[in-house]
Amino acid sequence: MGQQPSKFPPEARLGTVLGLLEMVVAYGGKADLAFIARELQMEVDQILPASNAAELLGLLEVHDGEGAATQLGIKVSKSLAKGKKKILKEQLPHLEPFRTIIELAKTKPKGFNIEDLINVLANKTELVEYTQEPEKLRELILDWLIYSEILSYDGDKGLFKLRMRKTTNSST
């Protein structure tokens, strides 16, 4: 059985995921998610997408309602923004829909819009759920792929592009 990339929860916001991670680390690296939800004045089901996303990214391990920061999670927690971006840039391409979005960006160097992406996702049965709310999909891309500097966005044209590094030496 071939392993499919894990699907990222579309409701997971970057700030909530990083905030959840920071709280777990602040409580010694392990914390009850219901307790953290109360601390954040949220319902447990409101932080579930964030805990699921953190788990998929390898930042937290969740067992029996308790979140434990992984080595990578602790590293992210202690990193400045540049370090956080670098780690996310490495992790996100392993998850859907980010993998498909990056593949689309590679095939459209002049950029793609949200409708282009919806057409691609609609043809992948396992990803069609992401096409249901175009605005949520746009927010997901802006939140994660723009922050991690994988894509750039031209708001006037509504186009996403693969962000190219401007370096003189080629990376291996």
Protein backbone atom coordinates (compact mmCIF):
# COMPACT_ATOMS: atom_id res chain seq x y z
CA MET A 1 0.00 0.00 0.00
CA GLY A 2 1.56 3.31 -1.12
CA GLN A 3 1.67 6.03 1.47
CA GLN A 4 -0.19 9.18 0.52
CA PRO A 5 0.96 12.51 1.89
CA SER A 6 -0.97 13.57 4.97
CA LYS A 7 -3.68 16.15 4.44
CA PHE A 8 -3.30 19.44 6.25
CA PRO A 9 -6.39 20.75 8.08
CA PRO A 10 -7.64 23.76 6.09
CA GLU A 11 -8.74 25.54 9.30
CA ALA A 12 -5.25 25.42 10.84
CA ARG A 13 -3.86 28.93 11.13
CA LEU A 14 -0.15 29.53 11.47
CA GLY A 15 -0.50 31.79 14.51
CA THR A 16 -2.66 29.27 16.35
CA VAL A 17 -0.27 26.39 15.59
CA LEU A 18 2.77 28.37 16.74
CA GLY A 19 0.87 29.70 19.76
CA LEU A 20 -0.18 26.19 20.77
CA LEU A 21 3.40 24.99 20.41
CA GLU A 22 4.67 27.91 22.51
CA MET A 23 2.16 27.09 25.26
CA VAL A 24 3.15 23.41 25.33
CA VAL A 25 6.84 24.32 25.50
CA ALA A 26 6.14 26.95 28.20
CA TYR A 27 4.49 24.22 30.32
CA GLY A 28 7.62 22.09 30.24
CA GLY A 29 7.15 20.46 26.85
CA LYS A 30 3.97 18.55 27.76
CA ALA A 31 0.50 19.86 28.39
CA ASP A 32 -3.13 18.84 28.39
CA LEU A 33 -4.78 20.32 25.28
CA ALA A 34 -8.05 21.00 27.12
CA PHE A 35 -6.08 23.01 29.70
CA ILE A 36 -4.33 24.97 26.94
CA ALA A 37 -7.65 25.63 25.21
CA ARG A 38 -9.01 27.10 28.47
CA GLU A 39 -5.83 29.19 28.88
CA LEU A 40 -6.32 30.54 25.36
CA GLN A 41 -10.04 31.09 26.07
CA MET A 42 -10.97 28.68 23.30
CA GLU A 43 -12.96 25.48 23.06
CA VAL A 44 -10.97 22.26 22.68
CA ASP A 45 -12.44 21.67 19.22
CA GLN A 46 -11.11 25.09 18.18
CA ILE A 47 -7.51 24.03 18.81
CA LEU A 48 -7.87 20.55 17.30
CA PRO A 49 -6.99 21.71 13.75
CA ALA A 50 -3.90 23.43 15.19
CA SER A 51 -2.85 20.37 17.19
CA ASN A 52 -3.44 18.15 14.14
CA ALA A 53 -1.37 20.52 11.98
CA ALA A 54 1.41 20.66 14.59
CA GLU A 55 1.45 16.87 14.68
CA LEU A 56 1.59 16.60 10.87
CA LEU A 57 4.46 19.08 10.83
CA GLY A 58 6.33 16.97 13.38
CA LEU A 59 6.19 19.68 16.05
CA LEU A 60 3.93 17.91 18.56
CA GLU A 61 2.95 14.39 19.43
CA VAL A 62 -0.59 14.08 20.76
CA HIS A 63 -1.72 11.13 22.88
CA ASP A 64 -4.83 10.93 25.03
CA GLY A 65 -5.46 14.66 24.85
CA GLU A 66 -1.93 15.60 25.85
CA GLY A 67 0.46 17.43 23.55
CA ALA A 68 4.18 16.83 23.83
CA ALA A 69 6.67 18.98 21.96
CA THR A 70 9.04 17.01 19.72
CA GLN A 71 12.71 17.91 19.30
CA LEU A 72 11.73 19.74 16.10
CA GLY A 73 8.90 21.52 17.94
CA ILE A 74 11.29 22.72 20.63
CA LYS A 75 13.69 23.89 17.92
CA VAL A 76 10.86 25.85 16.21
CA SER A 77 9.80 27.31 19.55
CA LYS A 78 13.32 28.56 20.26
CA SER A 79 13.94 29.82 16.72
CA LEU A 80 13.59 33.36 15.48
CA ALA A 81 11.26 33.98 12.52
CA LYS A 82 13.97 33.10 9.97
CA GLY A 83 14.55 29.71 11.64
CA LYS A 84 10.81 29.00 11.88
CA LYS A 85 10.41 29.78 8.16
CA LYS A 86 13.31 27.50 7.23
CA ILE A 87 11.86 24.55 9.17
CA LEU A 88 8.37 25.08 7.74
CA LYS A 89 9.86 25.37 4.24
CA GLU A 90 11.30 21.87 4.75
CA GLN A 91 8.15 20.35 6.28
CA LEU A 92 5.26 21.77 4.23
CA PRO A 93 6.10 20.17 0.85
CA HIS A 94 5.50 16.74 2.42
CA LEU A 95 1.86 17.57 3.14
CA GLU A 96 -1.18 18.05 0.94
CA PRO A 97 -2.44 20.38 -0.43
CA PHE A 98 0.95 22.11 -0.21
CA ARG A 99 2.68 19.45 -2.32
CA THR A 100 0.13 19.91 -5.13
CA ILE A 101 0.29 23.71 -4.84
CA ILE A 102 4.09 23.67 -5.17
CA GLU A 103 3.86 21.29 -8.15
CA LEU A 104 1.38 23.67 -9.81
CA ALA A 105 3.67 26.65 -9.14
CA LYS A 106 6.55 24.79 -10.83
CA THR A 107 4.45 24.25 -13.97
CA LYS A 108 3.29 27.90 -14.09
CA PRO A 109 6.37 30.10 -13.64
CA LYS A 110 4.35 33.23 -14.50
CA GLY A 111 2.00 32.43 -11.63
CA PHE A 112 -1.32 30.80 -10.92
CA ASN A 113 -4.56 32.04 -9.41
CA ILE A 114 -6.88 30.35 -6.96
CA GLU A 115 -9.14 29.14 -9.81
CA ASP A 116 -6.19 27.37 -11.46
CA LEU A 117 -5.48 25.63 -8.17
CA ILE A 118 -9.12 24.65 -7.64
CA ASN A 119 -9.18 23.05 -11.10
CA VAL A 120 -6.10 20.97 -10.23
CA LEU A 121 -7.41 19.99 -6.79
CA ALA A 122 -10.84 19.09 -8.21
CA ASN A 123 -9.17 16.44 -10.38
CA LYS A 124 -7.62 14.74 -7.35
CA THR A 125 -10.33 12.84 -5.50
CA GLU A 126 -8.40 12.83 -2.24
CA LEU A 127 -8.01 16.64 -2.36
CA VAL A 128 -11.39 17.76 -3.68
CA GLU A 129 -12.45 18.86 -0.17
CA TYR A 130 -10.03 21.81 -0.46
CA THR A 131 -12.06 23.19 -3.39
CA GLN A 132 -15.21 23.72 -1.30
CA GLU A 133 -14.18 27.08 0.16
CA PRO A 134 -11.88 29.05 -2.18
CA GLU A 135 -11.36 31.84 0.36
CA LYS A 136 -10.26 29.36 3.04
CA LEU A 137 -7.86 27.84 0.51
CA ARG A 138 -6.43 31.29 -0.29
CA GLU A 139 -5.99 31.97 3.44
CA LEU A 140 -4.22 28.63 3.87
CA ILE A 141 -1.74 29.51 1.10
CA LEU A 142 -1.19 33.04 2.37
CA ASP A 143 -0.78 31.85 5.94
CA TRP A 144 1.65 29.00 5.34
CA LEU A 145 3.32 29.19 1.92
CA ILE A 146 3.81 32.95 1.86
CA TYR A 147 5.06 33.06 5.47
CA SER A 148 7.51 30.22 4.82
CA GLU A 149 8.67 32.04 1.67
CA ILE A 150 7.90 29.13 -0.65
CA LEU A 151 5.51 31.29 -2.70
CA SER A 152 5.09 34.98 -3.34
CA TYR A 153 1.74 36.68 -3.97
CA ASP A 154 0.77 39.55 -6.24
CA GLY A 155 -2.45 40.82 -4.71
CA ASP A 156 -3.22 43.13 -7.65
CA LYS A 157 -3.16 40.26 -10.13
CA GLY A 158 -4.25 37.58 -7.66
CA LEU A 159 -1.28 35.43 -8.67
CA PHE A 160 0.85 33.09 -6.60
CA LYS A 161 4.39 32.28 -7.82
CA LEU A 162 7.15 30.02 -6.69
CA ARG A 163 9.58 32.23 -4.86
CA MET A 164 13.00 32.03 -6.41
CA ARG A 165 16.12 32.51 -4.37
CA LYS A 166 18.37 35.17 -5.83
CA THR A 167 21.75 33.60 -5.22
CA THR A 168 24.77 33.33 -7.44
CA ASN A 169 25.65 29.76 -6.45
CA SER A 170 23.33 26.89 -7.16
CA SER A 171 22.17 24.81 -4.23
CA THR A 172 22.56 21.08 -4.27
